[in-house]
């Protein structure tokens, strides 16, 4: 094999190897940056897949202003199941969480020595579900609050004492909803009831209006 052919092969191999190690080096920082800055968009694919697999309706980025200060309700996803309406808020935590369902604040560990207190997302999202029920006039028992978190978020185990408020890893959303929809104590929506619920909430949505 001639020298210039060997040199070309060497250069190509070195470039490919360098690109591979550069990809490994940058993949996790870039991935974390995207999930932190564009959480809703990054989570959307998994949420959409669940709705497609189950033939559910989905409304994204639902918002309703309340009061003159323009404060209100902001919900990342509303999933309309056969028996429940799921109020979903996306959260990305790249560290660990010390959590108890009834505590007003949780401890968020960002590293070995760095930590901060964050508002309990379960309480906040439960309030969103309450407000969504009031705004729509739909019975509160139809709504299930879900705080959706990234799979690599480390959360201290805790016993969930509420049957309508849950912290769910992203990859387990489908199985969680599937299990919830199998509840024998709840009747399924009729097609007309479901269509009316979707229409009413879609009409209330002020996002991009």
N, C-alpha and C. Protein backbone atom coordinates (compact mmCIF):
# COMPACT_ATOMS: atom_id res chain seq x y z
N UNK A 1 0.85 -1.19 0.00
CA UNK A 1 0.00 0.00 0.00
C UNK A 1 0.89 1.24 0.00
N UNK A 2 0.57 2.18 -0.88
CA UNK A 2 1.40 3.36 -1.01
C UNK A 2 1.27 4.25 0.24
N UNK A 3 2.30 5.07 0.41
CA UNK A 3 2.40 5.89 1.62
C UNK A 3 1.22 6.84 1.75
N UNK A 4 0.83 7.51 0.65
CA UNK A 4 -0.23 8.52 0.76
C UNK A 4 -1.58 7.87 1.08
N UNK A 5 -1.75 6.60 0.67
CA UNK A 5 -2.99 5.89 1.00
C UNK A 5 -3.01 5.58 2.49
N UNK A 6 -1.87 5.10 3.00
CA UNK A 6 -1.77 4.83 4.43
C UNK A 6 -2.00 6.10 5.25
N UNK A 7 -1.41 7.21 4.77
CA UNK A 7 -1.56 8.48 5.48
C UNK A 7 -3.02 8.93 5.49
N UNK A 8 -3.70 8.77 4.36
CA UNK A 8 -5.11 9.15 4.28
C UNK A 8 -5.96 8.32 5.24
N UNK A 9 -5.71 7.02 5.26
CA UNK A 9 -6.46 6.14 6.17
C UNK A 9 -6.20 6.53 7.62
N UNK A 10 -4.97 6.84 7.93
CA UNK A 10 -4.61 7.23 9.29
C UNK A 10 -5.32 8.52 9.70
N UNK A 11 -5.32 9.50 8.78
CA UNK A 11 -5.95 10.79 9.09
C UNK A 11 -7.45 10.62 9.29
N UNK A 12 -8.09 9.85 8.41
CA UNK A 12 -9.53 9.62 8.52
C UNK A 12 -9.86 8.90 9.83
N UNK A 13 -9.06 7.87 10.15
CA UNK A 13 -9.30 7.13 11.39
C UNK A 13 -9.10 8.02 12.60
N UNK A 14 -8.07 8.86 12.57
CA UNK A 14 -7.81 9.76 13.70
C UNK A 14 -8.95 10.77 13.85
N UNK A 15 -9.46 11.28 12.73
CA UNK A 15 -10.57 12.24 12.78
C UNK A 15 -11.83 11.60 13.34
N UNK A 16 -12.12 10.38 12.87
CA UNK A 16 -13.31 9.67 13.36
C UNK A 16 -13.19 9.36 14.85
N UNK A 17 -12.00 8.94 15.27
CA UNK A 17 -11.79 8.63 16.67
C UNK A 17 -11.89 9.89 17.53
N UNK A 18 -11.34 10.98 17.01
CA UNK A 18 -11.42 12.25 17.74
C UNK A 18 -12.87 12.73 17.85
N UNK A 19 -13.61 12.59 16.75
CA UNK A 19 -15.01 13.00 16.77
C UNK A 19 -15.81 12.16 17.75
N UNK A 20 -15.49 10.86 17.82
CA UNK A 20 -16.20 9.97 18.73
C UNK A 20 -15.96 10.37 20.18
N UNK A 21 -14.70 10.62 20.54
CA UNK A 21 -14.41 11.01 21.92
C UNK A 21 -14.96 12.41 22.23
N UNK A 22 -14.97 13.29 21.24
CA UNK A 22 -15.57 14.61 21.45
C UNK A 22 -17.07 14.49 21.71
N UNK A 23 -17.71 13.59 20.97
CA UNK A 23 -19.14 13.35 21.18
C UNK A 23 -19.40 12.82 22.58
N UNK A 24 -18.58 11.85 23.03
CA UNK A 24 -18.75 11.31 24.37
C UNK A 24 -18.53 12.39 25.43
N UNK A 25 -17.58 13.26 25.18
CA UNK A 25 -17.25 14.31 26.14
C UNK A 25 -18.35 15.36 26.24
N UNK A 26 -18.97 15.69 25.09
CA UNK A 26 -19.96 16.78 25.06
C UNK A 26 -21.40 16.30 25.19
N UNK A 27 -21.64 15.01 24.99
CA UNK A 27 -23.03 14.52 24.92
C UNK A 27 -23.82 14.83 26.18
N UNK A 28 -23.30 14.46 27.35
CA UNK A 28 -24.06 14.63 28.58
C UNK A 28 -24.22 16.10 28.98
N UNK A 29 -23.17 16.94 28.86
CA UNK A 29 -23.38 18.38 29.15
C UNK A 29 -24.42 19.03 28.22
N UNK A 30 -24.36 18.69 26.93
CA UNK A 30 -25.33 19.26 25.99
C UNK A 30 -26.73 18.75 26.28
N UNK A 31 -26.81 17.45 26.56
CA UNK A 31 -28.12 16.85 26.87
C UNK A 31 -28.72 17.49 28.12
N UNK A 32 -27.91 17.68 29.14
CA UNK A 32 -28.40 18.30 30.36
C UNK A 32 -28.84 19.74 30.11
N UNK A 33 -28.07 20.46 29.31
CA UNK A 33 -28.41 21.85 28.99
C UNK A 33 -29.77 21.92 28.27
N UNK A 34 -29.98 21.04 27.30
CA UNK A 34 -31.24 21.04 26.56
C UNK A 34 -32.42 20.68 27.46
N UNK A 35 -32.23 19.70 28.32
CA UNK A 35 -33.32 19.30 29.21
C UNK A 35 -33.63 20.38 30.23
N UNK A 36 -32.61 21.11 30.68
CA UNK A 36 -32.83 22.18 31.65
C UNK A 36 -33.52 23.38 31.01
N UNK A 37 -33.09 23.74 29.81
CA UNK A 37 -33.59 24.96 29.17
C UNK A 37 -34.84 24.72 28.34
N UNK A 38 -35.03 23.51 27.86
CA UNK A 38 -36.18 23.21 27.00
C UNK A 38 -36.88 21.94 27.49
N UNK A 39 -37.21 21.94 28.77
CA UNK A 39 -37.75 20.74 29.40
C UNK A 39 -39.04 20.27 28.74
N UNK A 40 -39.96 21.19 28.50
CA UNK A 40 -41.24 20.80 27.91
C UNK A 40 -41.04 20.17 26.54
N UNK A 41 -40.18 20.80 25.73
CA UNK A 41 -39.94 20.28 24.39
C UNK A 41 -39.26 18.91 24.44
N UNK A 42 -38.32 18.73 25.37
CA UNK A 42 -37.60 17.47 25.45
C UNK A 42 -38.48 16.35 25.99
N UNK A 43 -39.40 16.68 26.89
CA UNK A 43 -40.32 15.69 27.44
C UNK A 43 -41.48 15.39 26.50
N UNK A 44 -41.74 16.30 25.58
CA UNK A 44 -42.93 16.19 24.75
C UNK A 44 -42.99 14.89 23.97
N UNK A 45 -41.87 14.43 23.44
CA UNK A 45 -41.86 13.21 22.64
C UNK A 45 -42.41 12.01 23.40
N UNK A 46 -41.99 11.87 24.66
CA UNK A 46 -42.47 10.75 25.47
C UNK A 46 -43.94 10.90 25.80
N UNK A 47 -44.36 12.12 26.12
CA UNK A 47 -45.77 12.37 26.43
C UNK A 47 -46.63 12.10 25.21
N UNK A 48 -46.17 12.57 24.07
CA UNK A 48 -46.93 12.36 22.83
C UNK A 48 -47.04 10.88 22.49
N UNK A 49 -45.98 10.13 22.72
CA UNK A 49 -46.00 8.70 22.44
C UNK A 49 -47.04 7.99 23.28
N UNK A 50 -47.17 8.38 24.55
CA UNK A 50 -48.18 7.78 25.42
C UNK A 50 -49.57 8.05 24.90
N UNK A 51 -49.82 9.27 24.46
CA UNK A 51 -51.15 9.61 23.96
C UNK A 51 -51.46 8.89 22.65
N UNK A 52 -50.46 8.75 21.78
CA UNK A 52 -50.68 8.05 20.52
C UNK A 52 -50.93 6.56 20.75
N UNK A 53 -50.16 5.97 21.65
CA UNK A 53 -50.31 4.53 21.92
C UNK A 53 -51.69 4.21 22.50
N UNK A 54 -52.27 5.16 23.23
CA UNK A 54 -53.54 4.91 23.89
C UNK A 54 -54.72 5.63 23.24
N UNK A 55 -54.45 6.34 22.13
CA UNK A 55 -55.49 7.08 21.43
C UNK A 55 -56.15 8.10 22.35
N UNK A 56 -55.32 8.84 23.12
CA UNK A 56 -55.81 9.86 24.03
C UNK A 56 -55.69 11.25 23.39
N UNK A 57 -56.53 12.16 23.84
CA UNK A 57 -56.39 13.56 23.45
C UNK A 57 -55.29 14.21 24.29
N UNK A 58 -54.66 15.25 23.71
CA UNK A 58 -53.58 15.93 24.39
C UNK A 58 -53.63 17.42 24.08
N UNK A 59 -53.52 18.24 25.13
CA UNK A 59 -53.36 19.69 24.98
C UNK A 59 -52.03 20.06 25.62
N UNK A 60 -51.18 20.77 24.90
CA UNK A 60 -49.89 21.20 25.41
C UNK A 60 -49.90 22.69 25.73
N UNK A 61 -49.14 23.05 26.75
CA UNK A 61 -48.93 24.45 27.13
C UNK A 61 -50.27 25.17 27.33
N UNK A 62 -51.02 24.66 28.28
CA UNK A 62 -52.32 25.26 28.61
C UNK A 62 -52.10 26.39 29.60
N UNK A 63 -52.76 27.52 29.39
CA UNK A 63 -52.57 28.68 30.27
C UNK A 63 -53.87 29.44 30.43
N UNK A 64 -54.07 29.99 31.61
CA UNK A 64 -55.24 30.81 31.89
C UNK A 64 -54.84 31.88 32.89
N UNK A 65 -55.01 33.14 32.49
CA UNK A 65 -54.69 34.26 33.37
C UNK A 65 -55.78 34.42 34.41
N UNK A 66 -55.36 34.74 35.64
CA UNK A 66 -56.29 34.95 36.73
C UNK A 66 -55.89 36.23 37.46
N UNK A 67 -56.80 37.19 37.49
CA UNK A 67 -56.53 38.43 38.20
C UNK A 67 -55.86 39.47 37.32
N UNK A 68 -55.80 40.69 37.84
CA UNK A 68 -55.27 41.81 37.07
C UNK A 68 -53.76 41.76 36.93
N UNK A 69 -53.10 41.02 37.81
CA UNK A 69 -51.64 40.94 37.74
C UNK A 69 -51.16 39.90 36.75
N UNK A 70 -52.11 39.31 36.00
CA UNK A 70 -51.79 38.33 34.95
C UNK A 70 -51.19 37.04 35.50
N UNK A 71 -51.34 36.83 36.81
CA UNK A 71 -50.94 35.54 37.35
C UNK A 71 -52.01 34.53 36.97
N UNK A 72 -51.66 33.29 36.97
CA UNK A 72 -52.67 32.31 36.57
C UNK A 72 -52.15 30.90 36.61
N UNK A 73 -52.75 30.06 35.79
CA UNK A 73 -52.43 28.65 35.75
C UNK A 73 -51.65 28.34 34.47
N UNK A 74 -50.53 27.66 34.62
CA UNK A 74 -49.73 27.26 33.46
C UNK A 74 -49.45 25.76 33.59
N UNK A 75 -49.94 25.00 32.64
CA UNK A 75 -49.83 23.54 32.67
C UNK A 75 -49.13 23.07 31.41
N UNK A 76 -48.14 22.21 31.56
CA UNK A 76 -47.36 21.77 30.41
C UNK A 76 -48.14 20.84 29.49
N UNK A 77 -48.85 19.87 30.07
CA UNK A 77 -49.61 18.92 29.26
C UNK A 77 -50.90 18.55 29.99
N UNK A 78 -51.98 18.43 29.24
CA UNK A 78 -53.22 17.87 29.76
C UNK A 78 -53.55 16.65 28.91
N UNK A 79 -53.54 15.48 29.54
CA UNK A 79 -53.82 14.23 28.84
C UNK A 79 -55.21 13.75 29.23
N UNK A 80 -56.04 13.50 28.22
CA UNK A 80 -57.41 13.07 28.45
C UNK A 80 -57.50 11.56 28.29
N UNK A 81 -57.52 10.85 29.43
CA UNK A 81 -57.65 9.40 29.39
C UNK A 81 -59.10 8.98 29.27
N UNK A 82 -59.33 7.69 29.33
CA UNK A 82 -60.69 7.17 29.28
C UNK A 82 -61.44 7.40 30.59
N UNK A 83 -60.68 7.50 31.72
CA UNK A 83 -61.31 7.66 33.03
C UNK A 83 -60.86 8.90 33.78
N UNK A 84 -59.66 9.40 33.46
CA UNK A 84 -59.12 10.55 34.19
C UNK A 84 -58.55 11.58 33.21
N UNK A 85 -58.41 12.79 33.73
CA UNK A 85 -57.73 13.86 33.01
C UNK A 85 -56.44 14.15 33.77
N UNK A 86 -55.30 13.98 33.12
CA UNK A 86 -54.00 14.07 33.78
C UNK A 86 -53.40 15.46 33.58
N UNK A 87 -53.12 16.12 34.69
CA UNK A 87 -52.54 17.47 34.69
C UNK A 87 -51.04 17.30 34.93
N UNK A 88 -50.26 17.53 33.88
CA UNK A 88 -48.83 17.15 33.91
C UNK A 88 -47.94 18.39 33.91
N UNK A 89 -47.02 18.43 34.85
CA UNK A 89 -46.00 19.47 34.90
C UNK A 89 -44.63 18.83 34.77
N UNK A 90 -43.82 19.31 33.84
CA UNK A 90 -42.48 18.76 33.61
C UNK A 90 -41.46 19.41 34.53
N UNK A 91 -40.59 18.59 35.09
CA UNK A 91 -39.51 19.11 35.92
C UNK A 91 -38.23 18.32 35.65
N UNK A 92 -37.14 19.05 35.42
CA UNK A 92 -35.83 18.41 35.23
C UNK A 92 -34.93 18.77 36.40
N UNK A 93 -34.44 17.75 37.09
CA UNK A 93 -33.50 17.93 38.20
C UNK A 93 -32.26 17.10 37.91
N UNK A 94 -31.11 17.74 37.78
CA UNK A 94 -29.90 16.99 37.45
C UNK A 94 -29.15 16.52 38.69
N UNK A 95 -29.72 16.78 39.86
CA UNK A 95 -29.10 16.30 41.09
C UNK A 95 -30.00 15.30 41.79
N UNK A 96 -30.04 15.41 43.10
CA UNK A 96 -30.87 14.51 43.92
C UNK A 96 -31.86 15.33 44.74
N UNK A 97 -32.97 14.69 45.07
CA UNK A 97 -34.04 15.37 45.80
C UNK A 97 -34.33 14.60 47.09
N UNK A 98 -34.37 15.34 48.20
CA UNK A 98 -34.87 14.79 49.46
C UNK A 98 -36.31 15.25 49.58
N UNK A 99 -37.25 14.32 49.45
CA UNK A 99 -38.65 14.70 49.27
C UNK A 99 -39.56 14.01 50.26
N UNK A 100 -40.54 14.75 50.72
CA UNK A 100 -41.68 14.22 51.47
C UNK A 100 -42.93 14.87 50.90
N UNK A 101 -43.98 14.10 50.64
CA UNK A 101 -45.13 14.63 49.90
C UNK A 101 -45.81 15.83 50.54
N UNK A 102 -45.78 15.94 51.86
CA UNK A 102 -46.50 17.02 52.53
C UNK A 102 -45.63 18.21 52.92
N UNK A 103 -44.30 18.09 52.76
CA UNK A 103 -43.42 19.20 53.10
C UNK A 103 -43.58 20.35 52.12
N UNK A 104 -43.60 21.57 52.62
CA UNK A 104 -43.72 22.73 51.74
C UNK A 104 -42.50 22.89 50.84
N UNK A 105 -41.33 22.50 51.34
CA UNK A 105 -40.09 22.62 50.58
C UNK A 105 -39.36 21.29 50.54
N UNK A 106 -38.64 21.08 49.44
CA UNK A 106 -37.78 19.91 49.30
C UNK A 106 -36.33 20.38 49.23
N UNK A 107 -35.40 19.49 49.58
CA UNK A 107 -33.99 19.81 49.47
C UNK A 107 -33.47 19.27 48.13
N UNK A 108 -32.89 20.16 47.35
CA UNK A 108 -32.37 19.82 46.02
C UNK A 108 -30.85 19.86 46.10
N UNK A 109 -30.21 18.68 45.97
CA UNK A 109 -28.76 18.56 46.05
C UNK A 109 -28.18 18.67 44.63
N UNK A 110 -27.39 19.72 44.43
CA UNK A 110 -26.78 19.96 43.13
C UNK A 110 -25.37 19.38 43.03
N UNK A 111 -24.84 18.94 44.11
CA UNK A 111 -23.50 18.36 44.17
C UNK A 111 -23.25 17.89 45.59
N UNK A 112 -22.02 17.53 45.85
CA UNK A 112 -21.68 17.02 47.18
C UNK A 112 -21.83 18.10 48.25
N UNK A 113 -21.58 19.34 47.90
CA UNK A 113 -21.58 20.40 48.91
C UNK A 113 -22.62 21.49 48.63
N UNK A 114 -23.29 21.42 47.52
CA UNK A 114 -24.23 22.47 47.16
C UNK A 114 -25.66 21.95 47.22
N UNK A 115 -26.52 22.70 47.88
CA UNK A 115 -27.92 22.33 47.95
C UNK A 115 -28.77 23.59 48.08
N UNK A 116 -30.04 23.46 47.76
CA UNK A 116 -30.96 24.57 47.93
C UNK A 116 -32.36 24.02 48.19
N UNK A 117 -33.22 24.88 48.70
CA UNK A 117 -34.59 24.48 48.95
C UNK A 117 -35.46 24.90 47.76
N UNK A 118 -36.34 24.00 47.36
CA UNK A 118 -37.27 24.29 46.27
C UNK A 118 -38.69 24.04 46.75
N UNK A 119 -39.63 24.77 46.18
CA UNK A 119 -41.02 24.55 46.52
C UNK A 119 -41.45 23.14 46.11
N UNK A 120 -42.22 22.51 46.94
CA UNK A 120 -42.70 21.16 46.67
C UNK A 120 -43.53 21.16 45.39
N UNK A 121 -43.04 20.53 44.30
CA UNK A 121 -43.78 20.56 43.03
C UNK A 121 -45.10 19.80 43.09
N UNK A 122 -45.20 18.82 44.00
CA UNK A 122 -46.45 18.09 44.13
C UNK A 122 -47.57 19.00 44.64
N UNK A 123 -47.25 19.82 45.63
CA UNK A 123 -48.25 20.76 46.16
C UNK A 123 -48.64 21.78 45.10
N UNK A 124 -47.64 22.31 44.40
CA UNK A 124 -47.91 23.32 43.38
C UNK A 124 -48.79 22.76 42.26
N UNK A 125 -48.50 21.54 41.83
CA UNK A 125 -49.29 20.99 40.72
C UNK A 125 -50.68 20.56 41.17
N UNK A 126 -50.80 20.17 42.42
CA UNK A 126 -52.13 19.86 42.96
C UNK A 126 -53.00 21.11 42.93
N UNK A 127 -52.40 22.26 43.23
CA UNK A 127 -53.14 23.52 43.17
C UNK A 127 -53.54 23.83 41.73
N UNK A 128 -52.66 23.54 40.78
CA UNK A 128 -53.01 23.75 39.36
C UNK A 128 -54.22 22.90 38.97
N UNK A 129 -54.23 21.66 39.41
CA UNK A 129 -55.37 20.79 39.11
C UNK A 129 -56.65 21.33 39.75
N UNK A 130 -56.54 21.86 40.98
CA UNK A 130 -57.70 22.47 41.63
C UNK A 130 -58.24 23.63 40.80
N UNK A 131 -57.33 24.49 40.36
CA UNK A 131 -57.74 25.67 39.60
C UNK A 131 -58.30 25.29 38.23
N UNK A 132 -57.73 24.25 37.65
CA UNK A 132 -58.25 23.78 36.37
C UNK A 132 -59.67 23.27 36.51
N UNK A 133 -59.94 22.59 37.59
CA UNK A 133 -61.29 22.10 37.86
C UNK A 133 -62.26 23.26 38.05
N UNK A 134 -61.86 24.27 38.81
CA UNK A 134 -62.72 25.43 39.04
C UNK A 134 -62.97 26.19 37.75
N UNK A 135 -61.92 26.38 36.95
CA UNK A 135 -62.07 27.15 35.71
C UNK A 135 -62.95 26.44 34.69
N UNK A 136 -62.86 25.13 34.65
CA UNK A 136 -63.59 24.36 33.64
C UNK A 136 -64.97 23.93 34.10
N UNK A 137 -65.17 23.89 35.42
CA UNK A 137 -66.44 23.40 35.95
C UNK A 137 -66.51 21.89 36.00
N UNK A 138 -65.42 21.21 35.65
CA UNK A 138 -65.37 19.76 35.70
C UNK A 138 -65.10 19.28 37.12
N UNK A 139 -65.68 18.17 37.48
CA UNK A 139 -65.53 17.62 38.82
C UNK A 139 -64.05 17.37 39.13
N UNK A 140 -63.61 17.80 40.31
CA UNK A 140 -62.21 17.66 40.69
C UNK A 140 -61.76 16.21 40.72
N UNK A 141 -62.67 15.29 40.97
CA UNK A 141 -62.31 13.87 41.04
C UNK A 141 -61.84 13.31 39.70
N UNK A 142 -62.11 14.03 38.60
CA UNK A 142 -61.66 13.58 37.28
C UNK A 142 -60.17 13.80 37.08
N UNK A 143 -59.58 14.71 37.86
CA UNK A 143 -58.22 15.16 37.59
C UNK A 143 -57.19 14.42 38.44
N UNK A 144 -56.08 14.07 37.79
CA UNK A 144 -54.93 13.46 38.47
C UNK A 144 -53.71 14.33 38.19
N UNK A 145 -53.05 14.75 39.25
CA UNK A 145 -51.86 15.59 39.12
C UNK A 145 -50.63 14.72 38.98
N UNK A 146 -49.81 15.04 37.97
CA UNK A 146 -48.55 14.31 37.74
C UNK A 146 -47.41 15.32 37.60
N UNK A 147 -46.39 15.17 38.43
CA UNK A 147 -45.13 15.89 38.24
C UNK A 147 -44.19 14.91 37.56
N UNK A 148 -43.83 15.23 36.33
CA UNK A 148 -43.02 14.33 35.50
C UNK A 148 -41.56 14.74 35.60
N UNK A 149 -40.69 13.81 36.02
CA UNK A 149 -39.28 14.13 36.23
C UNK A 149 -38.40 13.23 35.36
N UNK A 150 -37.20 13.69 35.11
CA UNK A 150 -36.23 12.92 34.33
C UNK A 150 -35.85 11.63 35.04
N UNK A 151 -35.53 10.61 34.28
CA UNK A 151 -35.27 9.28 34.84
C UNK A 151 -34.03 9.24 35.74
N UNK A 152 -33.04 10.09 35.46
CA UNK A 152 -31.81 10.04 36.26
C UNK A 152 -31.88 10.94 37.48
N UNK A 153 -33.04 11.49 37.77
CA UNK A 153 -33.21 12.25 39.00
C UNK A 153 -33.30 11.29 40.18
N UNK A 154 -32.47 11.48 41.19
CA UNK A 154 -32.47 10.63 42.37
C UNK A 154 -33.40 11.23 43.42
N UNK A 155 -34.43 10.50 43.79
CA UNK A 155 -35.41 10.98 44.76
C UNK A 155 -35.49 10.00 45.92
N UNK A 156 -35.42 10.51 47.12
CA UNK A 156 -35.55 9.63 48.28
C UNK A 156 -36.94 8.98 48.25
N UNK A 157 -37.01 7.68 48.49
CA UNK A 157 -38.32 7.00 48.45
C UNK A 157 -39.27 7.58 49.50
N UNK A 158 -40.53 7.74 49.11
CA UNK A 158 -41.52 8.19 50.06
C UNK A 158 -42.86 7.53 49.74
N UNK A 159 -43.69 7.41 50.74
CA UNK A 159 -45.00 6.80 50.56
C UNK A 159 -45.98 7.85 50.08
N UNK A 160 -46.60 7.58 48.95
CA UNK A 160 -47.56 8.53 48.40
C UNK A 160 -48.90 8.34 49.12
N UNK A 161 -49.35 9.38 49.82
CA UNK A 161 -50.57 9.26 50.62
C UNK A 161 -51.80 9.77 49.88
N UNK A 162 -51.63 10.40 48.74
CA UNK A 162 -52.76 10.91 47.96
C UNK A 162 -52.99 10.01 46.75
N UNK A 163 -54.25 9.88 46.36
CA UNK A 163 -54.56 9.04 45.20
C UNK A 163 -54.76 9.86 43.93
N UNK A 164 -54.42 11.16 43.99
CA UNK A 164 -54.59 12.01 42.82
C UNK A 164 -53.40 12.93 42.60
N UNK A 165 -52.25 12.59 43.18
CA UNK A 165 -51.08 13.47 43.10
C UNK A 165 -49.82 12.62 43.13
N UNK A 166 -49.04 12.62 42.03
CA UNK A 166 -47.95 11.66 41.90
C UNK A 166 -46.70 12.29 41.28
N UNK A 167 -45.55 11.76 41.68
CA UNK A 167 -44.26 12.06 41.06
C UNK A 167 -43.90 10.85 40.21
N UNK A 168 -43.73 11.07 38.89
CA UNK A 168 -43.56 9.95 37.97
C UNK A 168 -42.33 10.16 37.09
N UNK A 169 -41.41 9.18 37.03
CA UNK A 169 -40.28 9.26 36.09
C UNK A 169 -40.79 9.24 34.65
N UNK A 170 -40.08 9.92 33.78
CA UNK A 170 -40.52 10.08 32.39
C UNK A 170 -40.77 8.74 31.70
N UNK A 171 -39.86 7.79 31.86
CA UNK A 171 -39.99 6.52 31.16
C UNK A 171 -41.13 5.66 31.69
N UNK A 172 -41.67 5.99 32.86
CA UNK A 172 -42.73 5.18 33.46
C UNK A 172 -44.11 5.83 33.30
N UNK A 173 -44.19 6.91 32.55
CA UNK A 173 -45.47 7.60 32.40
C UNK A 173 -46.52 6.70 31.78
N UNK A 174 -46.15 5.98 30.72
CA UNK A 174 -47.11 5.12 30.04
C UNK A 174 -47.66 4.04 30.95
N UNK A 175 -46.79 3.37 31.69
CA UNK A 175 -47.23 2.30 32.58
C UNK A 175 -48.06 2.86 33.74
N UNK A 176 -47.69 4.05 34.21
CA UNK A 176 -48.44 4.65 35.30
C UNK A 176 -49.87 4.94 34.86
N UNK A 177 -50.02 5.58 33.70
CA UNK A 177 -51.36 5.91 33.22
C UNK A 177 -52.15 4.65 32.89
N UNK A 178 -51.48 3.66 32.32
CA UNK A 178 -52.15 2.40 32.02
C UNK A 178 -52.73 1.77 33.29
N UNK A 179 -51.95 1.77 34.36
CA UNK A 179 -52.42 1.21 35.63
C UNK A 179 -53.55 2.04 36.21
N UNK A 180 -53.43 3.36 36.11
CA UNK A 180 -54.47 4.24 36.65
C UNK A 180 -55.78 4.06 35.90
N UNK A 181 -55.71 3.86 34.60
CA UNK A 181 -56.91 3.71 33.79
C UNK A 181 -57.63 2.39 34.06
N UNK A 182 -56.96 1.46 34.71
CA UNK A 182 -57.59 0.17 35.02
C UNK A 182 -58.37 0.20 36.32
N UNK A 183 -58.47 1.36 36.94
CA UNK A 183 -59.21 1.49 38.19
C UNK A 183 -60.64 0.99 38.02
N UNK A 184 -61.03 0.06 38.89
CA UNK A 184 -62.36 -0.54 38.78
C UNK A 184 -63.45 0.28 39.47
N UNK A 185 -63.02 1.26 40.26
CA UNK A 185 -63.99 2.06 41.01
C UNK A 185 -64.45 3.31 40.26
N UNK A 186 -63.95 3.50 39.06
CA UNK A 186 -64.25 4.71 38.30
C UNK A 186 -64.83 4.33 36.95
N UNK A 187 -65.94 4.95 36.60
CA UNK A 187 -66.54 4.72 35.29
C UNK A 187 -65.82 5.53 34.22
N UNK A 188 -65.75 4.98 33.03
CA UNK A 188 -65.12 5.68 31.92
C UNK A 188 -66.01 6.81 31.41
N UNK A 189 -65.38 7.83 30.85
CA UNK A 189 -66.15 8.89 30.20
C UNK A 189 -66.90 8.31 29.00
N UNK A 190 -68.07 8.84 28.73
CA UNK A 190 -68.70 8.52 27.46
C UNK A 190 -68.00 9.34 26.38
N UNK A 191 -68.08 8.94 25.12
CA UNK A 191 -67.44 9.73 24.05
C UNK A 191 -67.90 11.18 24.05
N UNK A 192 -69.18 11.43 24.31
CA UNK A 192 -69.69 12.80 24.33
C UNK A 192 -69.11 13.59 25.51
N UNK A 193 -69.03 12.96 26.69
CA UNK A 193 -68.48 13.63 27.86
C UNK A 193 -67.01 14.00 27.63
N UNK A 194 -66.27 13.09 27.03
CA UNK A 194 -64.86 13.35 26.78
C UNK A 194 -64.67 14.46 25.76
N UNK A 195 -65.48 14.43 24.70
CA UNK A 195 -65.38 15.46 23.66
C UNK A 195 -65.71 16.84 24.23
N UNK A 196 -66.71 16.91 25.10
CA UNK A 196 -67.08 18.18 25.71
C UNK A 196 -65.96 18.69 26.62
N UNK A 197 -65.35 17.79 27.40
CA UNK A 197 -64.26 18.18 28.29
C UNK A 197 -63.07 18.72 27.49
N UNK A 198 -62.71 18.04 26.41
CA UNK A 198 -61.61 18.50 25.56
C UNK A 198 -61.93 19.85 24.96
N UNK A 199 -63.14 20.00 24.45
CA UNK A 199 -63.55 21.27 23.83
C UNK A 199 -63.53 22.42 24.83
N UNK A 200 -64.09 22.18 26.00
CA UNK A 200 -64.17 23.25 27.00
C UNK A 200 -62.78 23.71 27.45
N UNK A 201 -61.88 22.76 27.69
CA UNK A 201 -60.54 23.13 28.13
C UNK A 201 -59.74 23.78 27.00
N UNK A 202 -59.96 23.32 25.78
CA UNK A 202 -59.28 23.94 24.63
C UNK A 202 -59.73 25.38 24.45
N UNK A 203 -61.01 25.64 24.66
CA UNK A 203 -61.53 27.00 24.51
C UNK A 203 -61.03 27.92 25.61
N UNK A 204 -60.78 27.38 26.79
CA UNK A 204 -60.27 28.20 27.90
C UNK A 204 -58.79 28.53 27.74
N UNK A 205 -58.09 27.74 26.95
CA UNK A 205 -56.64 27.92 26.81
C UNK A 205 -56.31 29.27 26.21
N UNK A 206 -55.54 30.08 26.96
CA UNK A 206 -55.14 31.41 26.50
C UNK A 206 -53.71 31.44 25.97
N UNK A 207 -53.07 30.31 25.91
CA UNK A 207 -51.71 30.28 25.39
C UNK A 207 -51.70 30.63 23.91
N UNK A 208 -50.82 31.56 23.54
CA UNK A 208 -50.65 32.02 22.16
C UNK A 208 -51.87 32.76 21.64
N UNK A 209 -52.74 33.24 22.54
CA UNK A 209 -53.88 34.02 22.11
C UNK A 209 -53.60 35.49 22.30
